[in-house]
C-alpha atoms as a PDB file:
ATOM      1  CA  MET A   1      55.441  22.362  76.508  1.00  0.00           C
ATOM      2  CA  ASN A   2      52.656  25.013  76.513  1.00  0.00           C
ATOM      3  CA  HIS A   3      51.328  25.874  79.939  1.00  0.00           C
ATOM      4  CA  LYS A   4      47.761  25.577  78.774  1.00  0.00           C
ATOM      5  CA  ILE A   5      48.252  22.009  77.875  1.00  0.00           C
ATOM      6  CA  LYS A   6      49.988  21.336  81.190  1.00  0.00           C
ATOM      7  CA  ILE A   7      47.045  22.750  83.123  1.00  0.00           C
ATOM      8  CA  ALA A   8      44.588  20.752  81.068  1.00  0.00           C
ATOM      9  CA  LEU A   9      46.455  17.563  81.629  1.00  0.00           C
ATOM     10  CA  ALA A  10      46.723  18.207  85.352  1.00  0.00           C
ATOM     11  CA  LEU A  11      42.914  18.859  85.619  1.00  0.00           C
ATOM     12  CA  ILE A  12      42.232  15.675  83.669  1.00  0.00           C
ATOM     13  CA  THR A  13      44.516  13.559  85.912  1.00  0.00           C
ATOM     14  CA  GLY A  14      43.048  15.069  89.079  1.00  0.00           C
ATOM     15  CA  GLY A  15      39.494  14.499  88.027  1.00  0.00           C
ATOM     16  CA  THR A  16      40.288  10.830  87.061  1.00  0.00           C
ATOM     17  CA  LEU A  17      41.951  10.254  90.463  1.00  0.00           C
ATOM     18  CA  VAL A  18      38.920  11.649  92.319  1.00  0.00           C
ATOM     19  CA  TYR A  19      36.470   9.664  90.297  1.00  0.00           C
ATOM     20  CA  LEU A  20      38.406   6.307  90.691  1.00  0.00           C
ATOM     21  CA  SER A  21      38.698   6.864  94.502  1.00  0.00           C
ATOM     22  CA  ARG A  22      35.028   7.460  94.899  1.00  0.00           C
ATOM     23  CA  LYS A  23      34.245   4.501  92.783  1.00  0.00           C
ATOM     24  CA  MET A  24      36.465   2.209  94.938  1.00  0.00           C
ATOM     25  CA  LYS A  25      35.128   3.619  98.186  1.00  0.00           C
ATOM     26  CA  ASN A  26      31.444   2.926  97.122  1.00  0.00           C
ATOM     27  CA  SER A  27      32.272  -0.639  95.895  1.00  0.00           C
ATOM     28  CA  LYS A  28      33.684  -1.621  99.332  1.00  0.00           C
ATOM     29  CA  ASN A  29      30.408  -0.631 101.197  1.00  0.00           C
ATOM     30  CA  LYS A  30      28.128  -3.004  99.308  1.00  0.00           C
ATOM     31  CA  PRO A  31      26.915  -5.887 101.412  1.00  0.00           C
ATOM     32  CA  GLU A  32      27.335  -9.307 100.011  1.00  0.00           C
ATOM     33  CA  ILE A  33      24.007 -10.967  99.195  1.00  0.00           C
ATOM     34  CA  PHE A  34      23.473 -14.644  98.348  1.00  0.00           C
ATOM     35  CA  THR A  35      20.419 -16.290  96.870  1.00  0.00           C
ATOM     36  CA  GLY A  36      19.417 -19.635  98.175  1.00  0.00           C
ATOM     37  CA  GLU A  37      17.868 -22.579  96.406  1.00  0.00           C
ATOM     38  CA  ASP A  38      14.501 -21.566  97.650  1.00  0.00           C
ATOM     39  CA  GLY A  39      14.832 -18.203  95.944  1.00  0.00           C
ATOM     40  CA  LYS A  40      15.193 -16.187  99.205  1.00  0.00           C
ATOM     41  CA  VAL A  41      17.991 -13.635  99.668  1.00  0.00           C
ATOM     42  CA  TYR A  42      20.449 -13.987 102.544  1.00  0.00           C
ATOM     43  CA  GLN A  43      23.187 -11.725 103.876  1.00  0.00           C
ATOM     44  CA  LYS A  44      26.767 -12.533 104.287  1.00  0.00           C
ATOM     45  CA  ASP A  45      27.583 -14.995 107.172  1.00  0.00           C
ATOM     46  CA  GLU A  46      23.891 -15.943 107.504  1.00  0.00           C
ATOM     47  CA  THR A  47      23.183 -19.570 107.983  1.00  0.00           C
ATOM     48  CA  TYR A  48      19.943 -21.083 106.500  1.00  0.00           C
ATOM     49  CA  LEU A  49      18.349 -24.576 106.229  1.00  0.00           C
ATOM     50  CA  THR A  50      16.631 -25.851 103.062  1.00  0.00           C
ATOM     51  CA  THR A  51      13.553 -27.968 102.988  1.00  0.00           C
ATOM     52  CA  ASP A  52      15.753 -31.086 102.228  1.00  0.00           C
ATOM     53  CA  GLY A  53      17.693 -30.600 105.436  1.00  0.00           C
ATOM     54  CA  LYS A  54      20.933 -29.132 103.930  1.00  0.00           C
ATOM     55  CA  MET A  55      22.591 -26.226 105.692  1.00  0.00           C
ATOM     56  CA  TYR A  56      24.165 -23.395 103.782  1.00  0.00           C
ATOM     57  CA  LYS A  57      26.291 -20.368 104.627  1.00  0.00           C
ATOM     58  CA  ASN A  58      27.440 -17.731 102.080  1.00  0.00           C
ATOM     59  CA  GLY A  59      26.032 -19.716  99.216  1.00  0.00           C
ATOM     60  CA  LYS A  60      27.960 -22.921 100.002  1.00  0.00           C
ATOM     61  CA  GLU A  61      26.817 -26.087 101.670  1.00  0.00           C
ATOM     62  CA  VAL A  62      28.005 -26.499 105.353  1.00  0.00           C
ATOM     63  CA  HIS A  63      29.057 -29.979 106.430  1.00  0.00           C
ATOM     64  CA  PHE A  64      28.866 -30.732 110.034  1.00  0.00           C
ATOM     65  CA  LYS A  65      28.518 -33.865 112.130  1.00  0.00           C
ATOM     66  CA  THR A  66      25.309 -34.308 114.197  1.00  0.00           C
ATOM     67  CA  PRO A  67      25.046 -36.969 116.851  1.00  0.00           C
ATOM     68  CA  GLU A  68      22.768 -39.791 115.937  1.00  0.00           C
ATOM     69  CA  ILE A  69      20.039 -40.835 118.518  1.00  0.00           C
END
């Protein structure tokens, strides 16, 4: 194979690897954001209470037992 072709393929491969590694690195640093039923934005592991008295965490309803008075 011609040396010019080998060098071109090596540069393309190296550039692709650098691009993909940067893309993967940036996607890991994004914080997870959830939108509640009330339209507000909440961060990951943040617990919030809606107006109807339901408790949510990470976009899912949290069920817990409360003592009755």
